[in-house]
Amino acid sequence: MILLDEAQDADPVLLEVLRHQSAQLVVVGDPHQAIYGWRGARDALAGWRGATLPLTRSWRFGPEIAEAANAVLTRMGAPYPLVGDGPGSPPHGPAAYIARTTLGPLGEAVRVMERHTPVALLGGAEPVAGLLEAAHTIQGGRVPRHPDPALFEDWADLQAAAETPAGAEYRPLVDYIQQQRDRVPKVVRQLRTETVEPSGAEVVLTTCHKTKGREWSTVTCAGDFRWPRYADHREEAHLLYVALTRARHVLHADAARRAIERGRPLRELPPRSHKPKA
């Protein structure tokens, strides 16, 4: 027997190999946690021809957190609600702050470090520190070493990109540089020298993509999650669902809840109009 877990984010090459095996194949996953389509992952559960058994009961959290997750599932048209039968013991261990984007935890990291609370960034602090340093370099009229911001000609080019849908991920970076320009070198230095390993942290800061398979007693969702309008962008809703379901005891997600409440059921993209050339 071959058991494939996390099948909603399966690698297409691996799937092709598995299809040619003679052993019984069992795939397990949650299609509403599929968040890696941008790198070519494929949902092995879609169009599955064998018997399907729903697993709807979670022992990670209780009914209150399940209710928040079900608000997402309902608007995505999920066939089964999630049932929370998890622990009722008091919260313990580090708290997590989960953001949608790499720069989402930046403001929270600064606030936590100012309180001298041991803080960790999953994946290390360098991705955030390096991006912040590079943007500060661009604003100073110099060429950064970081390969990502180096694509922009100057600060005005980066600002303009941040105002477009494709470059919206740079908006928190641009806003922070404009508001805290003089503090940036100190913040970069703090990120590199004052953050700790997750095992020694009281607060863990992370993006949603790094949280798969993880859980924390207390979770706070950042305010940068958004609800998509169209079915083609459903992974935005999946990110929100994943973030909400990382908590075991306590969930702080007021901004996320408002995004869900304002959200509507996903609809198909409108057809493009093709006008003949003159």
C-alpha atoms as a PDB file:
ATOM      1  CA  MET A   1       0.000   0.000   0.000  1.00  0.00           C
ATOM      2  CA  ILE A   2       1.164   3.537  -0.781  1.00  0.00           C
ATOM      3  CA  LEU A   3      -0.158   6.346   1.450  1.00  0.00           C
ATOM      4  CA  LEU A   4       0.257   9.887   0.075  1.00  0.00           C
ATOM      5  CA  ASP A   5      -0.334  12.635   2.640  1.00  0.00           C
ATOM      6  CA  GLU A   6      -0.816  16.357   1.862  1.00  0.00           C
ATOM      7  CA  ALA A   7      -2.244  15.205  -1.463  1.00  0.00           C
ATOM      8  CA  GLN A   8      -3.797  18.616  -2.165  1.00  0.00           C
ATOM      9  CA  ASP A   9      -0.276  19.972  -2.821  1.00  0.00           C
ATOM     10  CA  ALA A  10       1.086  16.981  -4.734  1.00  0.00           C
ATOM     11  CA  ASP A  11       3.981  17.168  -7.138  1.00  0.00           C
ATOM     12  CA  PRO A  12       2.789  16.282 -10.688  1.00  0.00           C
ATOM     13  CA  VAL A  13       5.883  14.155 -11.374  1.00  0.00           C
ATOM     14  CA  LEU A  14       5.355  12.131  -8.201  1.00  0.00           C
ATOM     15  CA  LEU A  15       1.688  11.618  -9.081  1.00  0.00           C
ATOM     16  CA  GLU A  16       2.653  10.243 -12.476  1.00  0.00           C
ATOM     17  CA  VAL A  17       5.061   7.786 -10.834  1.00  0.00           C
ATOM     18  CA  LEU A  18       2.413   6.642  -8.341  1.00  0.00           C
ATOM     19  CA  ARG A  19      -0.131   6.015 -11.091  1.00  0.00           C
ATOM     20  CA  HIS A  20       2.179   3.359 -12.571  1.00  0.00           C
ATOM     21  CA  GLN A  21       2.568   1.389  -9.323  1.00  0.00           C
ATOM     22  CA  SER A  22       0.685  -1.846  -8.731  1.00  0.00           C
ATOM     23  CA  ALA A  23       0.194  -1.246  -4.992  1.00  0.00           C
ATOM     24  CA  GLN A  24      -3.038   0.095  -3.517  1.00  0.00           C
ATOM     25  CA  LEU A  25      -2.891   3.909  -3.436  1.00  0.00           C
ATOM     26  CA  VAL A  26      -4.499   5.924  -0.622  1.00  0.00           C
ATOM     27  CA  VAL A  27      -4.353   9.716  -0.818  1.00  0.00           C
ATOM     28  CA  VAL A  28      -5.131  11.952   2.154  1.00  0.00           C
ATOM     29  CA  GLY A  29      -5.478  15.716   2.083  1.00  0.00           C
ATOM     30  CA  ASP A  30      -7.653  18.781   2.350  1.00  0.00           C
ATOM     31  CA  PRO A  31      -8.357  20.604  -0.929  1.00  0.00           C
ATOM     32  CA  HIS A  32      -9.098  23.778   1.045  1.00  0.00           C
ATOM     33  CA  GLN A  33      -5.494  23.798   2.244  1.00  0.00           C
ATOM     34  CA  ALA A  34      -4.053  23.791  -1.281  1.00  0.00           C
ATOM     35  CA  ILE A  35      -1.718  26.824  -1.252  1.00  0.00           C
ATOM     36  CA  TYR A  36       1.136  25.861  -3.571  1.00  0.00           C
ATOM     37  CA  GLY A  37      -0.500  26.099  -6.987  1.00  0.00           C
ATOM     38  CA  TRP A  38       1.842  28.999  -7.781  1.00  0.00           C
ATOM     39  CA  ARG A  39       4.779  26.554  -7.878  1.00  0.00           C
ATOM     40  CA  GLY A  40       2.968  23.933  -9.965  1.00  0.00           C
ATOM     41  CA  ALA A  41       1.450  21.752  -7.235  1.00  0.00           C
ATOM     42  CA  ARG A  42      -1.632  19.774  -8.218  1.00  0.00           C
ATOM     43  CA  ASP A  43      -4.567  18.604  -6.111  1.00  0.00           C
ATOM     44  CA  ALA A  44      -4.490  14.798  -6.328  1.00  0.00           C
ATOM     45  CA  LEU A  45      -7.956  14.663  -4.736  1.00  0.00           C
ATOM     46  CA  ALA A  46      -9.594  16.449  -7.658  1.00  0.00           C
ATOM     47  CA  GLY A  47     -11.355  13.957  -9.888  1.00  0.00           C
ATOM     48  CA  TRP A  48     -10.340  11.012  -7.705  1.00  0.00           C
ATOM     49  CA  ARG A  49     -11.912   7.850  -9.135  1.00  0.00           C
ATOM     50  CA  GLY A  50     -11.681   5.605  -6.097  1.00  0.00           C
ATOM     51  CA  ALA A  51     -13.779   5.540  -2.934  1.00  0.00           C
ATOM     52  CA  THR A  52     -13.883   8.840  -1.020  1.00  0.00           C
ATOM     53  CA  LEU A  53     -14.197   9.026   2.765  1.00  0.00           C
ATOM     54  CA  PRO A  54     -14.641  12.454   4.429  1.00  0.00           C
ATOM     55  CA  LEU A  55     -12.538  13.210   7.528  1.00  0.00           C
ATOM     56  CA  THR A  56     -14.289  16.172   9.114  1.00  0.00           C
ATOM     57  CA  ARG A  57     -13.455  15.931  12.821  1.00  0.00           C
ATOM     58  CA  SER A  58     -10.425  17.773  14.194  1.00  0.00           C
ATOM     59  CA  TRP A  59      -8.857  17.128  17.579  1.00  0.00           C
ATOM     60  CA  ARG A  60      -6.560  20.141  17.285  1.00  0.00           C
ATOM     61  CA  PHE A  61      -9.119  22.742  18.388  1.00  0.00           C
ATOM     62  CA  GLY A  62     -12.603  23.159  19.796  1.00  0.00           C
ATOM     63  CA  PRO A  63     -15.903  24.404  18.325  1.00  0.00           C
ATOM     64  CA  GLU A  64     -15.087  28.149  18.476  1.00  0.00           C
ATOM     65  CA  ILE A  65     -12.075  27.884  16.179  1.00  0.00           C
ATOM     66  CA  ALA A  66     -13.976  25.423  13.989  1.00  0.00           C
ATOM     67  CA  GLU A  67     -16.702  28.051  13.620  1.00  0.00           C
ATOM     68  CA  ALA A  68     -14.179  30.568  12.245  1.00  0.00           C
ATOM     69  CA  ALA A  69     -12.846  27.983   9.798  1.00  0.00           C
ATOM     70  CA  ASN A  70     -16.366  27.007   8.719  1.00  0.00           C
ATOM     71  CA  ALA A  71     -17.078  30.623   7.772  1.00  0.00           C
ATOM     72  CA  VAL A  72     -14.393  30.219   5.098  1.00  0.00           C
ATOM     73  CA  LEU A  73     -15.565  26.764   4.043  1.00  0.00           C
ATOM     74  CA  THR A  74     -19.183  27.919   3.658  1.00  0.00           C
ATOM     75  CA  ARG A  75     -18.242  30.759   1.308  1.00  0.00           C
ATOM     76  CA  MET A  76     -16.107  28.357  -0.741  1.00  0.00           C
ATOM     77  CA  GLY A  77     -18.989  25.921  -1.090  1.00  0.00           C
ATOM     78  CA  ALA A  78     -17.347  23.079   0.874  1.00  0.00           C
ATOM     79  CA  PRO A  79     -19.578  19.971   1.063  1.00  0.00           C
ATOM     80  CA  TYR A  80     -18.756  19.147   4.696  1.00  0.00           C
ATOM     81  CA  PRO A  81     -18.508  21.385   7.782  1.00  0.00           C
ATOM     82  CA  LEU A  82     -15.533  21.058  10.118  1.00  0.00           C
ATOM     83  CA  VAL A  83     -16.189  19.698  13.625  1.00  0.00           C
ATOM     84  CA  GLY A  84     -13.872  20.836  16.422  1.00  0.00           C
ATOM     85  CA  ASP A  85     -13.454  18.248  19.188  1.00  0.00           C
ATOM     86  CA  GLY A  86     -10.094  19.493  20.371  1.00  0.00           C
ATOM     87  CA  PRO A  87      -8.502  20.225  23.742  1.00  0.00           C
ATOM     88  CA  GLY A  88     -10.026  22.409  26.418  1.00  0.00           C
ATOM     89  CA  SER A  89      -6.856  22.738  28.512  1.00  0.00           C
ATOM     90  CA  PRO A  90      -5.368  26.187  29.281  1.00  0.00           C
ATOM     91  CA  PRO A  91      -3.091  27.754  26.632  1.00  0.00           C
ATOM     92  CA  HIS A  92       0.615  27.026  26.924  1.00  0.00           C
ATOM     93  CA  GLY A  93       3.792  27.386  24.891  1.00  0.00           C
ATOM     94  CA  PRO A  94       4.760  30.167  22.466  1.00  0.00           C
ATOM     95  CA  ALA A  95       2.190  32.255  20.632  1.00  0.00           C
ATOM     96  CA  ALA A  96       2.232  32.583  16.848  1.00  0.00           C
ATOM     97  CA  TYR A  97       1.615  35.614  14.647  1.00  0.00           C
ATOM     98  CA  ILE A  98       0.735  34.495  11.110  1.00  0.00           C
ATOM     99  CA  ALA A  99       0.817  36.852   8.133  1.00  0.00           C
ATOM    100  CA  ARG A 100      -0.003  36.413   4.479  1.00  0.00           C
ATOM    101  CA  THR A 101       3.217  37.963   3.099  1.00  0.00           C
ATOM    102  CA  THR A 102       6.918  37.903   3.975  1.00  0.00           C
ATOM    103  CA  LEU A 103       6.781  41.492   5.222  1.00  0.00           C
ATOM    104  CA  GLY A 104       3.528  41.025   7.103  1.00  0.00           C
ATOM    105  CA  PRO A 105       5.264  40.171  10.421  1.00  0.00           C
ATOM    106  CA  LEU A 106       7.615  43.190  10.235  1.00  0.00           C
ATOM    107  CA  GLY A 107       5.614  45.638  12.345  1.00  0.00           C
ATOM    108  CA  GLU A 108       4.794  42.967  14.909  1.00  0.00           C
ATOM    109  CA  ALA A 109       8.457  41.923  15.099  1.00  0.00           C
ATOM    110  CA  VAL A 110       9.460  45.499  15.954  1.00  0.00           C
ATOM    111  CA  ARG A 111       6.767  45.801  18.613  1.00  0.00           C
ATOM    112  CA  VAL A 112       7.734  42.488  20.229  1.00  0.00           C
ATOM    113  CA  MET A 113      11.458  43.305  20.216  1.00  0.00           C
ATOM    114  CA  GLU A 114      10.754  46.661  21.871  1.00  0.00           C
ATOM    115  CA  ARG A 115       9.144  44.749  24.752  1.00  0.00           C
ATOM    116  CA  HIS A 116      12.341  42.632  24.996  1.00  0.00           C
ATOM    117  CA  THR A 117      10.283  39.486  24.454  1.00  0.00           C
ATOM    118  CA  PRO A 118      12.143  36.522  22.884  1.00  0.00           C
ATOM    119  CA  VAL A 119      10.902  36.423  19.280  1.00  0.00           C
ATOM    120  CA  ALA A 120      11.633  34.106  16.358  1.00  0.00           C
ATOM    121  CA  LEU A 121      10.893  34.263  12.653  1.00  0.00           C
ATOM    122  CA  LEU A 122      10.279  30.887  11.036  1.00  0.00           C
ATOM    123  CA  GLY A 123      12.831  30.464   8.290  1.00  0.00           C
ATOM    124  CA  GLY A 124      15.118  32.993   9.952  1.00  0.00           C
ATOM    125  CA  ALA A 125      15.104  36.796  10.094  1.00  0.00           C
ATOM    126  CA  GLU A 126      17.273  37.343   7.021  1.00  0.00           C
ATOM    127  CA  PRO A 127      14.477  37.263   4.378  1.00  0.00           C
ATOM    128  CA  VAL A 128      12.770  40.179   6.141  1.00  0.00           C
ATOM    129  CA  ALA A 129      15.953  42.001   7.173  1.00  0.00           C
ATOM    130  CA  GLY A 130      17.512  41.679   3.713  1.00  0.00           C
ATOM    131  CA  LEU A 131      14.425  42.965   1.916  1.00  0.00           C
ATOM    132  CA  LEU A 132      14.078  45.892   4.320  1.00  0.00           C
ATOM    133  CA  GLU A 133      17.750  46.804   3.968  1.00  0.00           C
ATOM    134  CA  ALA A 134      17.564  46.616   0.175  1.00  0.00           C
ATOM    135  CA  ALA A 135      14.520  48.898  -0.023  1.00  0.00           C
ATOM    136  CA  HIS A 136      16.244  51.397   2.280  1.00  0.00           C
ATOM    137  CA  THR A 137      19.273  51.281  -0.020  1.00  0.00           C
ATOM    138  CA  ILE A 138      17.093  52.027  -3.054  1.00  0.00           C
ATOM    139  CA  GLN A 139      15.465  54.985  -1.320  1.00  0.00           C
ATOM    140  CA  GLY A 140      18.949  56.346  -0.627  1.00  0.00           C
ATOM    141  CA  GLY A 141      19.672  56.321  -4.360  1.00  0.00           C
ATOM    142  CA  ARG A 142      22.022  53.325  -4.306  1.00  0.00           C
ATOM    143  CA  VAL A 143      21.854  49.910  -5.955  1.00  0.00           C
ATOM    144  CA  PRO A 144      20.998  47.075  -3.513  1.00  0.00           C
ATOM    145  CA  ARG A 145      22.661  43.679  -3.441  1.00  0.00           C
ATOM    146  CA  HIS A 146      19.335  41.927  -2.872  1.00  0.00           C
ATOM    147  CA  PRO A 147      18.209  40.463  -6.233  1.00  0.00           C
ATOM    148  CA  ASP A 148      14.493  41.209  -5.785  1.00  0.00           C
ATOM    149  CA  PRO A 149      14.395  45.019  -5.236  1.00  0.00           C
ATOM    150  CA  ALA A 150      17.343  45.377  -7.613  1.00  0.00           C
ATOM    151  CA  LEU A 151      14.859  44.762 -10.436  1.00  0.00           C
ATOM    152  CA  PHE A 152      13.485  48.286  -9.905  1.00  0.00           C
ATOM    153  CA  GLU A 153      15.214  51.261 -11.457  1.00  0.00           C
ATOM    154  CA  ASP A 154      14.806  53.565  -8.474  1.00  0.00           C
ATOM    155  CA  TRP A 155      12.591  54.349  -5.448  1.00  0.00           C
ATOM    156  CA  ALA A 156       9.875  55.916  -7.609  1.00  0.00           C
ATOM    157  CA  ASP A 157       9.720  52.723  -9.677  1.00  0.00           C
ATOM    158  CA  LEU A 158       9.304  50.621  -6.528  1.00  0.00           C
ATOM    159  CA  GLN A 159       6.601  52.967  -5.217  1.00  0.00           C
ATOM    160  CA  ALA A 160       4.700  52.746  -8.489  1.00  0.00           C
ATOM    161  CA  ALA A 161       4.919  48.941  -8.489  1.00  0.00           C
ATOM    162  CA  ALA A 162       3.546  48.801  -4.935  1.00  0.00           C
ATOM    163  CA  GLU A 163       0.362  50.542  -6.105  1.00  0.00           C
ATOM    164  CA  THR A 164      -0.416  47.874  -8.701  1.00  0.00           C
ATOM    165  CA  PRO A 165      -2.213  44.564  -8.010  1.00  0.00           C
ATOM    166  CA  ALA A 166       0.842  42.596  -9.167  1.00  0.00           C
ATOM    167  CA  GLY A 167       3.172  44.507  -6.843  1.00  0.00           C
ATOM    168  CA  ALA A 168       0.873  44.842  -3.820  1.00  0.00           C
ATOM    169  CA  GLU A 169       3.230  42.669  -1.745  1.00  0.00           C
ATOM    170  CA  TYR A 170       5.700  45.589  -1.741  1.00  0.00           C
ATOM    171  CA  ARG A 171       3.195  48.033  -0.255  1.00  0.00           C
ATOM    172  CA  PRO A 172       3.962  47.232   3.413  1.00  0.00           C
ATOM    173  CA  LEU A 173       7.661  47.603   2.624  1.00  0.00           C
ATOM    174  CA  VAL A 174       7.222  50.991   0.938  1.00  0.00           C
ATOM    175  CA  ASP A 175       4.925  52.236   3.696  1.00  0.00           C
ATOM    176  CA  TYR A 176       7.330  51.181   6.432  1.00  0.00           C
ATOM    177  CA  ILE A 177      10.344  52.811   4.743  1.00  0.00           C
ATOM    178  CA  GLN A 178       8.436  56.058   4.276  1.00  0.00           C
ATOM    179  CA  GLN A 179       7.229  56.141   7.881  1.00  0.00           C
ATOM    180  CA  GLN A 180      10.337  54.817   9.637  1.00  0.00           C
ATOM    181  CA  ARG A 181      13.209  55.740   7.325  1.00  0.00           C
ATOM    182  CA  ASP A 182      15.600  56.831  10.088  1.00  0.00           C
ATOM    183  CA  ARG A 183      14.923  53.703  12.167  1.00  0.00           C
ATOM    184  CA  VAL A 184      15.465  51.162   9.389  1.00  0.00           C
ATOM    185  CA  PRO A 185      19.194  50.461  10.011  1.00  0.00           C
ATOM    186  CA  LYS A 186      18.487  49.848  13.711  1.00  0.00           C
ATOM    187  CA  VAL A 187      15.542  47.550  12.934  1.00  0.00           C
ATOM    188  CA  VAL A 188      17.618  45.558  10.434  1.00  0.00           C
ATOM    189  CA  ARG A 189      20.357  45.174  13.039  1.00  0.00           C
ATOM    190  CA  GLN A 190      17.821  44.061  15.671  1.00  0.00           C
ATOM    191  CA  LEU A 191      16.294  41.494  13.331  1.00  0.00           C
ATOM    192  CA  ARG A 192      19.719  39.996  12.691  1.00  0.00           C
ATOM    193  CA  THR A 193      21.019  40.023  16.265  1.00  0.00           C
ATOM    194  CA  GLU A 194      18.065  39.953  18.678  1.00  0.00           C
ATOM    195  CA  THR A 195      15.801  37.261  17.234  1.00  0.00           C
ATOM    196  CA  VAL A 196      16.124  33.722  18.606  1.00  0.00           C
ATOM    197  CA  GLU A 197      15.442  30.163  17.485  1.00  0.00           C
ATOM    198  CA  PRO A 198      11.751  29.070  17.597  1.00  0.00           C
ATOM    199  CA  SER A 199      12.487  26.659  20.444  1.00  0.00           C
ATOM    200  CA  GLY A 200      13.473  29.556  22.715  1.00  0.00           C
ATOM    201  CA  ALA A 201      10.838  32.085  21.629  1.00  0.00           C
ATOM    202  CA  GLU A 202       7.748  33.344  23.384  1.00  0.00           C
ATOM    203  CA  VAL A 203       6.376  34.701  20.098  1.00  0.00           C
ATOM    204  CA  VAL A 204       6.873  33.043  16.699  1.00  0.00           C
ATOM    205  CA  LEU A 205       6.314  35.188  13.606  1.00  0.00           C
ATOM    206  CA  THR A 206       5.705  33.496  10.289  1.00  0.00           C
ATOM    207  CA  THR A 207       4.040  33.591   6.909  1.00  0.00           C
ATOM    208  CA  CYS A 208       1.153  31.262   6.229  1.00  0.00           C
ATOM    209  CA  HIS A 209       3.109  29.139   3.728  1.00  0.00           C
ATOM    210  CA  LYS A 210       5.556  28.133   6.466  1.00  0.00           C
ATOM    211  CA  THR A 211       2.833  26.972   8.876  1.00  0.00           C
ATOM    212  CA  LYS A 212       1.719  23.799   7.085  1.00  0.00           C
ATOM    213  CA  GLY A 213       1.813  20.878   9.529  1.00  0.00           C
ATOM    214  CA  ARG A 214       2.386  23.204  12.505  1.00  0.00           C
ATOM    215  CA  GLU A 215       0.170  24.296  15.381  1.00  0.00           C
ATOM    216  CA  TRP A 216       0.351  26.712  18.310  1.00  0.00           C
ATOM    217  CA  SER A 217      -1.707  27.134  21.444  1.00  0.00           C
ATOM    218  CA  THR A 218      -2.432  30.810  20.662  1.00  0.00           C
ATOM    219  CA  VAL A 219      -2.541  32.276  17.153  1.00  0.00           C
ATOM    220  CA  THR A 220      -2.989  35.838  15.940  1.00  0.00           C
ATOM    221  CA  CYS A 221      -3.765  36.378  12.250  1.00  0.00           C
ATOM    222  CA  ALA A 222      -2.308  39.533  10.708  1.00  0.00           C
ATOM    223  CA  GLY A 223      -4.491  42.052   8.922  1.00  0.00           C
ATOM    224  CA  ASP A 224      -2.993  41.439   5.475  1.00  0.00           C
ATOM    225  CA  PHE A 225      -5.190  38.471   4.534  1.00  0.00           C
ATOM    226  CA  ARG A 226      -7.808  39.188   1.878  1.00  0.00           C
ATOM    227  CA  TRP A 227     -10.863  37.503   0.466  1.00  0.00           C
ATOM    228  CA  PRO A 228     -10.764  36.771  -3.289  1.00  0.00           C
ATOM    229  CA  ARG A 229     -13.550  37.690  -5.689  1.00  0.00           C
ATOM    230  CA  TYR A 230     -13.031  34.970  -8.254  1.00  0.00           C
ATOM    231  CA  ALA A 231     -12.670  31.191  -8.185  1.00  0.00           C
ATOM    232  CA  ASP A 232      -9.355  31.404 -10.059  1.00  0.00           C
ATOM    233  CA  HIS A 233      -7.905  33.145  -6.992  1.00  0.00           C
ATOM    234  CA  ARG A 234      -9.270  30.714  -4.428  1.00  0.00           C
ATOM    235  CA  GLU A 235      -5.818  30.092  -2.925  1.00  0.00           C
ATOM    236  CA  GLU A 236      -6.201  33.462  -1.173  1.00  0.00           C
ATOM    237  CA  ALA A 237      -9.134  31.956   0.751  1.00  0.00           C
ATOM    238  CA  HIS A 238      -7.143  28.781   1.344  1.00  0.00           C
ATOM    239  CA  LEU A 239      -4.357  30.817   2.985  1.00  0.00           C
ATOM    240  CA  LEU A 240      -6.866  32.346   5.362  1.00  0.00           C
ATOM    241  CA  TYR A 241      -8.307  28.916   6.191  1.00  0.00           C
ATOM    242  CA  VAL A 242      -4.855  27.482   6.888  1.00  0.00           C
ATOM    243  CA  ALA A 243      -3.953  30.384   9.188  1.00  0.00           C
ATOM    244  CA  LEU A 244      -7.170  30.077  11.198  1.00  0.00           C
ATOM    245  CA  THR A 245      -6.743  26.346  11.733  1.00  0.00           C
ATOM    246  CA  ARG A 246      -3.226  26.531  13.224  1.00  0.00           C
ATOM    247  CA  ALA A 247      -4.617  27.486  16.666  1.00  0.00           C
ATOM    248  CA  ARG A 248      -5.338  24.939  19.396  1.00  0.00           C
ATOM    249  CA  HIS A 249      -6.834  27.039  22.180  1.00  0.00           C
ATOM    250  CA  VAL A 250      -6.997  30.778  21.426  1.00  0.00           C
ATOM    251  CA  LEU A 251      -7.507  32.524  18.079  1.00  0.00           C
ATOM    252  CA  HIS A 252      -7.194  36.307  17.577  1.00  0.00           C
ATOM    253  CA  ALA A 253      -8.409  37.047  14.065  1.00  0.00           C
ATOM    254  CA  ASP A 254     -10.654  40.112  14.088  1.00  0.00           C
ATOM    255  CA  ALA A 255      -9.313  41.492  10.784  1.00  0.00           C
ATOM    256  CA  ALA A 256      -9.545  38.061   9.164  1.00  0.00           C
ATOM    257  CA  ARG A 257     -13.115  37.615  10.381  1.00  0.00           C
ATOM    258  CA  ARG A 258     -14.083  40.979   8.882  1.00  0.00           C
ATOM    259  CA  ALA A 259     -12.532  39.950   5.563  1.00  0.00           C
ATOM    260  CA  ILE A 260     -14.602  36.755   5.628  1.00  0.00           C
ATOM    261  CA  GLU A 261     -17.808  38.562   6.580  1.00  0.00           C
ATOM    262  CA  ARG A 262     -17.382  41.009   3.701  1.00  0.00           C
ATOM    263  CA  GLY A 263     -16.488  38.215   1.317  1.00  0.00           C
ATOM    264  CA  ARG A 264     -18.951  36.663  -1.064  1.00  0.00           C
ATOM    265  CA  PRO A 265     -19.078  33.209  -2.629  1.00  0.00           C
ATOM    266  CA  LEU A 266     -16.394  32.925  -5.290  1.00  0.00           C
ATOM    267  CA  ARG A 267     -17.503  33.395  -8.863  1.00  0.00           C
ATOM    268  CA  GLU A 268     -15.925  32.668 -12.200  1.00  0.00           C
ATOM    269  CA  LEU A 269     -13.740  35.209 -13.962  1.00  0.00           C
ATOM    270  CA  PRO A 270     -15.694  37.308 -16.476  1.00  0.00           C
ATOM    271  CA  PRO A 271     -14.959  36.367 -20.090  1.00  0.00           C
ATOM    272  CA  ARG A 272     -12.415  38.578 -21.806  1.00  0.00           C
ATOM    273  CA  SER A 273     -13.600  40.646 -24.702  1.00  0.00           C
ATOM    274  CA  HIS A 274     -11.485  40.420 -27.836  1.00  0.00           C
ATOM    275  CA  LYS A 275     -11.847  43.453 -30.028  1.00  0.00           C
ATOM    276  CA  PRO A 276     -10.680  43.122 -33.635  1.00  0.00           C
ATOM    277  CA  LYS A 277      -7.679  45.237 -34.529  1.00  0.00           C
ATOM    278  CA  ALA A 278      -8.383  48.248 -36.669  1.00  0.00           C
END
